[in-house]
Amino acid sequence: MSTPKDPNSKYDLSKISARVDKVNVSGLQRTHDDYVMRAADGLFKASNFQEMMLEAMAAKSYLHELGIFKDVSVHIDISRGADATPQGYEVTLKGKEFTRIMGSAGTEIGQNEGSLRTELTIPNILGRGESISLQGSYSSTRANDLQLKFWKPFFHTRFRENRPEASFSLFRQTDRYDISSFQTTNLGYLLDFSAHTMLGVDLTHSLQYENSIRDLSLLNKSVPFGIRDHCGPKLASLVRYSLIFDNRDASVFPTRGLLLKSVNEYCGLGGNVAYTSSTAHGEVNVPLFAGLVAQFCGRVGVVKETKKTTVLPISNLFYCGGPLTLRGFKYGSAGPVIDGTPIGAQTFWCTGAHLWTPLPFAGVFKGLASHFRMHFFYNMGNSNSFSMENMRSAYGIGLAVKLAERARIELNYCVPLQKQATDKVTNGFQFGIGYEFV
C-alpha cells in the first residue's frame, strides 16, 4: 500500500536513497565518548533521506535526555574522503555542554501550598551524566526542605528504553501540622532507584530505602496529651515502592486517559518506629461532547501496625478534608479528634465526580481560554471506616486555572451535604492549589 503524496511537498524524501557513512559528536569537554555513542545507532540504519532526517532528530532528542548538553544542533553534509559512498552522508551533532556550576531560583507548587525554591547544581561531574545538587525550599505554611543529592542516569546503556536512574540524598525536612499543633523534623538519607517497564503498558517504578531520625515537637502549650505522647526523636528505617501508570493526554486538564498510582511502605527494618502503609490514587477521564469531560477520581489509604509496633506515628496517619481531597471541609478536619484537635486516621477513602467544561466565551479568547476550566463536582469520603455510613459529602461549582503543565488553582463554591459534629466545614468559597486532586 503506497503512502499518498502530500500536495504541498515538492519532493518525496523517502524515494531518495541515502546512507550515513559517518557520525560526529562535537562539543564534548568533560563527557566520555562512550556516554554518547548510542546516539548514532539509529542513523546507521537509515536507507533513505527521510529516515535519515527522522533519525537525526531522534539522536538530537536522545542527547538532550542525557542531561549534559544545554543545546544540540544537527548538521548534514555529503560524505567526503576515501571511505565515502555514492549516496553517503556525514551527520554532525554539535552540543554545548552545561557550565560546571548552575544555579536557579523560583517558586514551586506543592499540595495546597507554594514555596520558594533555590538550587545549585554541578552537572556531569564524572563524565557520564553524574550530577550533584544542593536544593532548598521554604514555605510559610507547611514544609521546609534542604537536600544534597547525587544521581546517576543509565540512559546510555542497553537499558535505555527503561530509563533507569539511581540517586543518593541527604536531607533535612520540616513539616508543620497546624491543625494538630505539632511539627516534625526529619534528618536522614535516602537511596532511590527508578525505571520504566513497557510490557504492554508503560509503568514507572521507584524503589527507595530511607533511614532517618524523626523528631516531633509541639507548636503551642495547649496540645492534648494524645499528641504529646508522640513527642521526641525516633529512628525510622523503611523501604518504599511506588508504581505509576499514566496515559492521559494532559496532566492538568486531561480530556481522556487513565492515571493509577500506588505507594507502599514497610517501616521497621531498624529503629523504634514500625508500621505498614499503602495508598492508591486513580483517575478516569471520558470525553463527552462540545468540550465537556467527565472525570472520576478516588483515593484510599491504610496504615497498620506490625509485630514491632508500639504506637503508630501520628505524622503517618491520614488527614482527610480540604480542597485537594474532600472539598467543603477544612484541611484534615474530616476525621477523628482528641479534645477538639484532629489527630489523623488509620484509614480513609474519598471519591470525586466532575463535569469539566470550557468557559462560555472560550472561542473569543482562544489561547488564553485554554488555561481556564469550569467544573461541577461532587465529593464524598470517610475516615476510619470503609462504609458509607456516617460519611462526609459535598457538592459545588468552581473555576480552575492551569499553572504551566504541572499544577492548577481552584476557586470553588462548596455546599457540604453530610458531616459529623466534630467536622469543620467551609460553606462557601474555598481556595486550593496543587498537582493532584480528587
Protein backbone atom coordinates (compact mmCIF):
# COMPACT_ATOMS: atom_id res chain seq x y z
CA MET A 1 0.00 0.00 0.00
CA SER A 2 1.54 3.31 -1.10
CA THR A 3 1.54 6.41 1.04
CA PRO A 4 -0.44 9.28 -0.52
CA LYS A 5 1.78 12.13 -1.63
CA ASP A 6 1.46 15.42 0.21
CA PRO A 7 0.29 18.02 -2.35
CA ASN A 8 2.36 20.66 -0.53
CA SER A 9 5.53 18.58 -0.82
CA LYS A 10 7.76 19.13 -3.85
CA TYR A 11 9.89 16.04 -3.31
CA ASP A 12 9.22 12.65 -1.78
CA LEU A 13 12.26 12.29 0.50
CA SER A 14 11.57 8.60 1.06
CA LYS A 15 12.43 7.98 -2.61
CA ILE A 16 15.91 9.50 -2.27
CA SER A 17 18.44 6.83 -1.38
CA ALA A 18 20.80 7.75 1.43
CA ARG A 19 23.05 6.13 3.97
CA VAL A 20 25.10 7.52 6.82
CA ASP A 21 28.82 6.91 6.45
CA LYS A 22 29.96 8.82 9.50
CA VAL A 23 28.54 10.40 12.66
CA ASN A 24 30.43 13.05 14.61
CA VAL A 25 29.51 14.32 18.08
CA SER A 26 31.36 17.54 18.83
CA GLY A 27 31.43 19.77 21.87
CA LEU A 28 32.47 17.05 24.34
CA GLN A 29 34.64 18.60 27.04
CA ARG A 30 34.03 16.69 30.27
CA THR A 31 31.95 13.88 28.73
CA HIS A 32 33.38 10.45 27.87
CA ASP A 33 32.86 9.25 24.29
CA ASP A 34 31.09 6.03 25.31
CA TYR A 35 28.31 8.05 27.01
CA VAL A 36 27.07 9.43 23.66
CA MET A 37 27.86 6.55 21.30
CA ARG A 38 24.32 5.16 21.23
CA ALA A 39 23.09 8.39 19.64
CA ALA A 40 24.39 7.04 16.31
CA ASP A 41 22.66 3.63 16.45
CA GLY A 42 19.54 4.63 14.52
CA LEU A 43 21.39 6.81 11.99
CA PHE A 44 23.38 3.92 10.57
CA LYS A 45 20.15 2.01 9.90
CA ALA A 46 18.66 4.74 7.66
CA SER A 47 18.20 3.73 3.99
CA ASN A 48 16.67 6.93 2.56
CA PHE A 49 16.85 10.66 3.18
CA GLN A 50 13.56 10.83 5.09
CA GLU A 51 14.65 8.13 7.54
CA MET A 52 17.99 9.86 7.97
CA MET A 53 16.28 13.15 8.86
CA LEU A 54 13.97 11.46 11.37
CA GLU A 55 16.83 9.52 12.97
CA ALA A 56 18.90 12.71 13.19
CA MET A 57 16.10 14.40 15.15
CA ALA A 58 15.83 11.30 17.36
CA ALA A 59 19.58 11.45 18.02
CA LYS A 60 19.27 15.12 18.96
CA SER A 61 16.45 14.31 21.38
CA TYR A 62 18.48 11.46 22.87
CA LEU A 63 21.46 13.74 23.54
CA HIS A 64 19.16 16.20 25.32
CA GLU A 65 17.85 13.37 27.50
CA LEU A 66 21.37 12.53 28.65
CA GLY A 67 21.33 15.76 30.67
CA ILE A 68 24.76 17.01 29.66
CA PHE A 69 24.00 19.49 26.86
CA LYS A 70 22.46 22.93 27.06
CA ASP A 71 21.84 22.93 23.32
CA VAL A 72 22.29 20.48 20.42
CA SER A 73 22.27 21.26 16.69
CA VAL A 74 22.33 18.86 13.71
CA HIS A 75 24.38 19.34 10.53
CA ILE A 76 24.10 17.01 7.49
CA ASP A 77 26.62 17.13 4.66
CA ILE A 78 27.72 14.97 1.75
CA SER A 79 30.23 12.36 2.75
CA ARG A 80 33.78 13.05 1.59
CA GLY A 81 37.04 11.17 1.71
CA ALA A 82 38.39 7.80 0.67
CA ASP A 83 35.65 5.88 2.53
CA ALA A 84 32.75 7.91 1.13
CA THR A 85 29.95 6.04 -0.69
CA PRO A 86 27.88 7.39 -3.63
CA GLN A 87 24.76 8.04 -1.53
CA GLY A 88 26.70 8.65 1.67
CA TYR A 89 26.21 11.48 4.14
CA GLU A 90 28.05 12.71 7.19
CA VAL A 91 25.99 13.76 10.22
CA THR A 92 27.47 16.07 12.85
CA LEU A 93 25.76 16.60 16.20
CA LYS A 94 27.12 19.77 17.79
CA GLY A 95 26.49 20.02 21.50
CA LYS A 96 27.11 22.76 24.02
CA GLU A 97 27.70 21.33 27.47
CA PHE A 98 26.25 22.84 30.62
CA THR A 99 28.56 25.05 32.65
CA ARG A 100 30.36 23.47 35.57
CA ILE A 101 28.06 25.12 38.11
CA MET A 102 24.42 26.08 37.56
CA GLY A 103 22.02 27.87 39.86
CA SER A 104 18.30 28.54 39.81
CA ALA A 105 15.65 30.13 41.99
CA GLY A 106 11.91 30.22 41.68
CA THR A 107 8.60 29.12 43.09
CA GLU A 108 7.37 25.57 43.50
CA ILE A 109 3.81 24.27 43.82
CA GLY A 110 3.08 21.68 46.49
CA GLN A 111 -0.13 20.18 47.79
CA ASN A 112 -2.13 23.25 48.80
CA GLU A 113 0.99 25.32 49.38
CA GLY A 114 3.55 27.34 47.48
CA SER A 115 7.21 27.62 48.34
CA LEU A 116 10.37 29.47 47.37
CA ARG A 117 12.93 27.08 45.91
CA THR A 118 16.65 27.51 45.21
CA GLU A 119 19.06 25.00 43.68
CA LEU A 120 22.78 24.81 42.98
CA THR A 121 23.87 22.01 40.60
CA ILE A 122 27.20 20.63 39.40
CA PRO A 123 26.28 18.62 36.27
CA ASN A 124 28.19 15.76 34.65
CA ILE A 125 30.91 15.74 37.28
CA LEU A 126 32.35 12.32 36.31
CA GLY A 127 31.71 12.49 32.57
CA ARG A 128 28.80 10.07 32.28
CA GLY A 129 25.83 12.14 33.40
CA GLU A 130 26.52 12.03 37.13
CA SER A 131 25.39 15.20 38.89
CA ILE A 132 25.18 16.62 42.38
CA SER A 133 22.82 19.32 43.61
CA LEU A 134 22.01 21.28 46.74
CA GLN A 135 18.32 22.14 46.95
CA GLY A 136 16.43 24.20 49.46
CA SER A 137 12.79 25.23 49.72
CA TYR A 138 10.92 27.43 52.16
CA SER A 139 7.19 27.68 52.77
CA SER A 140 5.46 29.84 55.32
CA THR A 141 2.61 27.34 55.66
CA ARG A 142 3.78 23.71 55.88
CA ALA A 143 7.06 22.27 54.63
CA ASN A 144 10.70 23.37 54.55
CA ASP A 145 13.32 21.19 52.93
CA LEU A 146 17.10 21.06 52.49
CA GLN A 147 18.61 18.29 50.36
CA LEU A 148 22.01 17.30 49.00
CA LYS A 149 21.51 14.83 46.14
CA PHE A 150 23.81 12.79 43.90
CA TRP A 151 22.26 10.97 40.96
CA LYS A 152 23.41 8.91 38.01
CA PRO A 153 21.32 8.04 34.94
CA PHE A 154 21.93 4.88 32.91
CA PHE A 155 20.30 6.07 29.68
CA HIS A 156 23.50 5.31 27.72
CA THR A 157 23.32 1.57 28.43
CA ARG A 158 21.37 -1.12 26.59
CA PHE A 159 18.53 -0.46 29.05
CA ARG A 160 17.93 2.97 27.52
CA GLU A 161 14.22 2.35 26.94
CA ASN A 162 13.77 1.59 30.66
CA ARG A 163 15.32 4.95 31.64
CA PRO A 164 17.00 3.63 34.82
CA GLU A 165 18.37 6.14 37.33
CA ALA A 166 19.90 5.81 40.79
CA SER A 167 20.34 8.51 43.43
CA PHE A 168 21.56 9.09 46.98
CA SER A 169 20.29 12.00 49.08
CA LEU A 170 21.00 13.57 52.44
CA PHE A 171 18.01 15.56 53.66
CA ARG A 172 16.52 17.65 56.40
CA GLN A 173 12.78 18.21 56.14
CA THR A 174 10.37 20.05 58.40
CA ASP A 175 6.58 19.58 58.12
CA ARG A 176 4.08 21.67 60.07
CA TYR A 177 0.69 20.24 61.04
CA ASP A 178 -1.01 23.42 62.24
CA ILE A 179 -4.39 21.75 62.55
CA SER A 180 -2.92 19.35 65.15
CA SER A 181 -0.43 21.84 66.63
CA PHE A 182 2.78 19.87 66.03
CA GLN A 183 5.65 19.71 63.59
CA THR A 184 8.12 17.00 62.55
CA THR A 185 11.78 17.40 61.62
CA ASN A 186 13.31 14.51 59.67
CA LEU A 187 17.08 14.18 59.24
CA GLY A 188 18.47 11.26 57.26
CA TYR A 189 19.43 9.75 53.93
CA LEU A 190 17.55 8.21 51.01
CA LEU A 191 18.56 5.66 48.36
CA ASP A 192 16.39 5.58 45.23
CA PHE A 193 16.29 3.50 42.06
CA SER A 194 13.70 4.25 39.37
CA ALA A 195 12.97 2.70 35.99
CA HIS A 196 10.26 2.19 33.36
CA THR A 197 8.89 -1.12 32.10
CA MET A 198 6.97 -1.44 28.85
CA LEU A 199 5.49 -4.94 28.82
CA GLY A 200 2.26 -3.98 27.09
CA VAL A 201 1.86 -0.80 29.16
CA ASP A 202 4.32 1.87 30.30
CA LEU A 203 4.82 1.66 34.06
CA THR A 204 7.08 3.82 36.23
CA HIS A 205 8.67 2.07 39.21
CA SER A 206 10.55 3.54 42.15
CA LEU A 207 12.22 1.57 44.94
CA GLN A 208 13.56 3.55 47.91
CA TYR A 209 15.29 2.91 51.20
CA GLU A 210 15.11 5.64 53.84
CA ASN A 211 16.83 5.91 57.21
CA SER A 212 16.03 8.99 59.26
CA ILE A 213 15.68 10.48 62.71
CA ARG A 214 12.18 11.87 63.18
CA ASP A 215 11.72 14.49 65.87
CA LEU A 216 8.19 15.62 66.74
CA SER A 217 7.70 18.88 68.63
CA LEU A 218 4.70 20.95 69.70
CA LEU A 219 3.62 24.30 68.25
CA ASN A 220 1.85 25.53 71.40
CA LYS A 221 1.26 24.59 75.03
CA SER A 222 -2.40 23.59 74.78
CA VAL A 223 -1.84 20.36 72.83
CA PRO A 224 -3.80 17.27 74.02
CA PHE A 225 -1.83 14.53 75.79
CA GLY A 226 -2.74 12.11 72.99
CA ILE A 227 -0.40 14.13 70.75
CA ARG A 228 2.19 14.93 73.44
CA ASP A 229 2.85 11.18 73.80
CA HIS A 230 4.41 11.20 70.31
CA CYS A 231 6.98 13.90 71.11
CA GLY A 232 10.71 13.32 70.92
CA PRO A 233 13.18 11.84 68.43
CA LYS A 234 12.71 8.38 66.93
CA LEU A 235 14.72 6.35 64.42
CA ALA A 236 12.87 5.10 61.34
CA SER A 237 14.21 2.64 58.76
CA LEU A 238 11.88 1.85 55.87
CA VAL A 239 11.57 0.60 52.31
CA ARG A 240 9.14 2.26 49.89
CA TYR A 241 7.84 1.09 46.50
CA SER A 242 5.74 3.22 44.16
CA LEU A 243 4.12 2.35 40.84
CA ILE A 244 2.56 4.77 38.32
CA PHE A 245 0.57 4.22 35.14
CA ASP A 246 -0.42 7.36 33.26
CA ASN A 247 -1.76 7.51 29.70
CA ARG A 248 -3.67 10.79 30.00
CA ASP A 249 -3.34 13.30 27.17
CA ALA A 250 -2.54 16.08 29.68
CA SER A 251 -1.66 16.22 33.37
CA VAL A 252 -3.65 19.33 34.38
CA PHE A 253 -6.79 19.39 32.19
CA PRO A 254 -6.93 15.91 30.61
CA THR A 255 -9.73 15.07 28.17
CA ARG A 256 -9.14 11.32 28.09
CA GLY A 257 -6.99 8.68 29.71
CA LEU A 258 -6.31 6.89 32.96
CA LEU A 259 -4.00 7.55 35.92
CA LEU A 260 -3.20 4.86 38.51
CA LYS A 261 -0.72 5.41 41.32
CA SER A 262 0.17 3.36 44.40
CA VAL A 263 2.72 3.86 47.19
CA ASN A 264 3.56 1.10 49.69
CA GLU A 265 5.85 1.42 52.73
CA TYR A 266 7.21 -1.00 55.28
CA CYS A 267 8.89 0.62 58.28
CA GLY A 268 10.60 -1.47 60.93
CA LEU A 269 13.89 -2.65 59.41
CA GLY A 270 15.58 -0.98 62.37
CA GLY A 271 14.99 1.79 64.88
CA ASN A 272 11.92 2.21 67.09
CA VAL A 273 9.24 3.10 64.51
CA ALA A 274 7.24 0.31 62.86
CA TYR A 275 4.20 0.30 60.56
CA THR A 276 2.98 -0.61 57.09
CA SER A 277 1.31 1.95 54.85
CA SER A 278 -0.45 1.74 51.50
CA THR A 279 -2.08 4.48 49.43
CA ALA A 280 -3.67 4.34 45.99
CA HIS A 281 -4.96 7.07 43.69
CA GLY A 282 -6.95 6.68 40.49
CA GLU A 283 -8.39 8.99 37.84
CA VAL A 284 -10.51 8.28 34.75
CA ASN A 285 -11.31 10.90 32.08
CA VAL A 286 -14.03 10.43 29.46
CA PRO A 287 -14.65 12.95 26.63
CA LEU A 288 -18.32 13.73 26.04
CA PHE A 289 -19.39 16.44 23.56
CA ALA A 290 -18.89 20.17 22.97
CA GLY A 291 -15.68 20.12 25.04
CA LEU A 292 -17.32 18.52 28.09
CA VAL A 293 -15.25 15.95 30.00
CA ALA A 294 -16.45 13.57 32.72
CA GLN A 295 -13.83 12.82 35.35
CA PHE A 296 -13.95 10.27 38.18
CA CYS A 297 -11.29 10.25 40.92
CA GLY A 298 -10.65 8.15 44.00
CA ARG A 299 -8.06 7.80 46.74
CA VAL A 300 -7.67 5.30 49.58
CA GLY A 301 -5.10 4.84 52.33
CA VAL A 302 -4.38 2.34 55.12
CA VAL A 303 -1.80 2.38 57.94
CA LYS A 304 -1.44 -0.79 60.02
CA GLU A 305 0.61 -1.98 62.96
CA THR A 306 3.27 -4.66 62.66
CA LYS A 307 4.54 -7.07 65.30
CA LYS A 308 7.17 -4.46 66.21
CA THR A 309 4.71 -1.58 66.56
CA THR A 310 4.30 0.04 69.97
CA VAL A 311 2.37 3.09 68.73
CA LEU A 312 1.62 4.30 65.20
CA PRO A 313 3.45 7.58 64.43
CA ILE A 314 0.89 10.37 64.25
CA SER A 315 2.71 12.02 61.34
CA ASN A 316 1.99 8.97 59.15
CA LEU A 317 -1.76 8.99 59.77
CA PHE A 318 -4.12 10.34 57.11
CA TYR A 319 -5.74 13.75 57.26
CA CYS A 320 -8.92 13.79 55.17
CA GLY A 321 -10.59 17.02 54.15
CA GLY A 322 -9.56 20.12 52.26
CA PRO A 323 -9.67 21.47 48.70
CA LEU A 324 -7.48 18.65 47.35
CA THR A 325 -9.38 15.69 48.82
CA LEU A 326 -12.79 16.48 50.29
CA ARG A 327 -13.95 19.93 49.18
CA GLY A 328 -16.22 21.84 51.53
CA PHE A 329 -14.20 20.74 54.57
CA LYS A 330 -11.17 22.37 56.13
CA TYR A 331 -7.82 20.60 55.76
CA GLY A 332 -7.65 17.47 57.94
CA SER A 333 -10.91 18.20 59.75
CA ALA A 334 -12.97 15.25 58.41
CA GLY A 335 -11.62 12.67 60.83
CA PRO A 336 -11.15 11.65 64.47
CA VAL A 337 -10.36 14.27 67.11
CA ILE A 338 -8.97 14.37 70.66
CA ASP A 339 -10.17 17.23 72.85
CA GLY A 340 -11.27 19.08 69.73
CA THR A 341 -7.95 18.60 67.89
CA PRO A 342 -7.76 16.42 64.74
CA ILE A 343 -5.24 13.57 65.08
CA GLY A 344 -5.42 11.76 61.74
CA ALA A 345 -6.93 8.40 60.82
CA GLN A 346 -5.56 4.91 60.17
CA THR A 347 -7.76 4.50 57.10
CA PHE A 348 -9.52 6.89 54.75
CA TRP A 349 -11.19 6.98 51.37
CA CYS A 350 -12.57 9.74 49.20
CA THR A 351 -14.01 9.97 45.70
CA GLY A 352 -14.90 12.75 43.31
CA ALA A 353 -17.09 13.09 40.23
CA HIS A 354 -16.50 16.11 37.98
CA LEU A 355 -18.01 17.57 34.86
CA TRP A 356 -15.41 19.81 33.24
CA THR A 357 -16.43 22.44 30.69
CA PRO A 358 -14.66 25.24 28.80
CA LEU A 359 -15.51 28.84 29.64
CA PRO A 360 -18.70 30.12 27.95
CA PHE A 361 -16.73 32.54 25.73
CA ALA A 362 -13.71 30.29 25.11
CA GLY A 363 -13.96 30.82 21.34
CA VAL A 364 -13.41 34.56 21.75
CA PHE A 365 -10.33 34.39 23.98
CA LYS A 366 -8.86 31.32 22.23
CA GLY A 367 -5.34 30.69 23.59
CA LEU A 368 -5.98 32.38 26.92
CA ALA A 369 -9.15 30.36 27.49
CA SER A 370 -7.21 27.07 27.27
CA HIS A 371 -5.75 27.87 30.71
CA PHE A 372 -9.22 28.02 32.35
CA ARG A 373 -11.93 25.44 33.02
CA MET A 374 -15.18 25.34 34.96
CA HIS A 375 -16.35 22.24 36.79
CA PHE A 376 -19.30 20.87 38.70
CA PHE A 377 -18.21 18.42 41.37
CA TYR A 378 -19.47 16.00 43.98
CA ASN A 379 -17.11 14.66 46.67
CA MET A 380 -17.64 12.04 49.34
CA GLY A 381 -15.38 10.20 51.75
CA ASN A 382 -14.81 8.89 55.24
CA SER A 383 -12.13 8.20 57.86
CA ASN A 384 -11.51 5.03 59.90
CA SER A 385 -14.35 3.30 58.06
CA PHE A 386 -14.78 1.91 54.56
CA SER A 387 -18.57 2.01 54.81
CA MET A 388 -20.83 4.79 53.56
CA GLU A 389 -22.42 5.12 56.98
CA ASN A 390 -21.66 8.48 58.60
CA MET A 391 -19.68 9.53 55.54
CA ARG A 392 -18.98 13.12 54.53
CA SER A 393 -20.05 14.64 51.22
CA ALA A 394 -20.22 17.99 49.43
CA TYR A 395 -21.02 19.42 46.01
CA GLY A 396 -20.41 22.69 44.22
CA ILE A 397 -19.12 24.61 41.24
CA GLY A 398 -15.71 26.12 40.62
CA LEU A 399 -13.18 27.77 38.33
CA ALA A 400 -9.76 26.21 37.73
CA VAL A 401 -6.65 27.87 36.30
CA LYS A 402 -3.71 25.94 34.84
CA LEU A 403 -0.21 26.76 36.09
CA ALA A 404 2.22 25.70 33.35
CA GLU A 405 1.72 21.97 32.71
CA ARG A 406 2.18 20.89 36.31
CA ALA A 407 -0.44 22.25 38.69
CA ARG A 408 -3.69 24.16 38.90
CA ILE A 409 -5.52 26.65 41.11
CA GLU A 410 -9.16 26.09 42.06
CA LEU A 411 -11.68 28.57 43.43
CA ASN A 412 -14.79 26.59 44.37
CA TYR A 413 -18.13 27.39 45.89
CA CYS A 414 -18.83 24.42 48.18
CA VAL A 415 -22.02 23.16 49.81
CA PRO A 416 -21.41 20.40 52.42
CA LEU A 417 -24.21 17.82 52.45
CA GLN A 418 -23.21 15.28 55.10
CA LYS A 419 -20.92 15.96 58.02
CA GLN A 420 -20.13 14.91 61.58
CA ALA A 421 -20.45 17.06 64.70
CA THR A 422 -16.66 17.45 65.09
CA ASP A 423 -16.01 18.37 61.43
CA LYS A 424 -15.01 21.88 60.39
CA VAL A 425 -16.75 22.80 57.14
CA THR A 426 -16.39 25.56 54.58
CA ASN A 427 -19.84 26.54 53.35
CA GLY A 428 -18.98 28.94 50.57
CA PHE A 429 -15.81 29.78 48.66
CA GLN A 430 -12.73 27.60 49.10
CA PHE A 431 -9.30 28.10 47.51
CA GLY A 432 -6.96 25.26 46.58
CA ILE A 433 -3.64 24.88 44.77
CA GLY A 434 -1.83 21.64 43.91
CA TYR A 435 -1.00 18.99 41.35
CA GLU A 436 -3.10 16.01 42.47
CA PHE A 437 -6.81 16.49 43.27
CA VAL A 438 -9.70 14.15 43.99
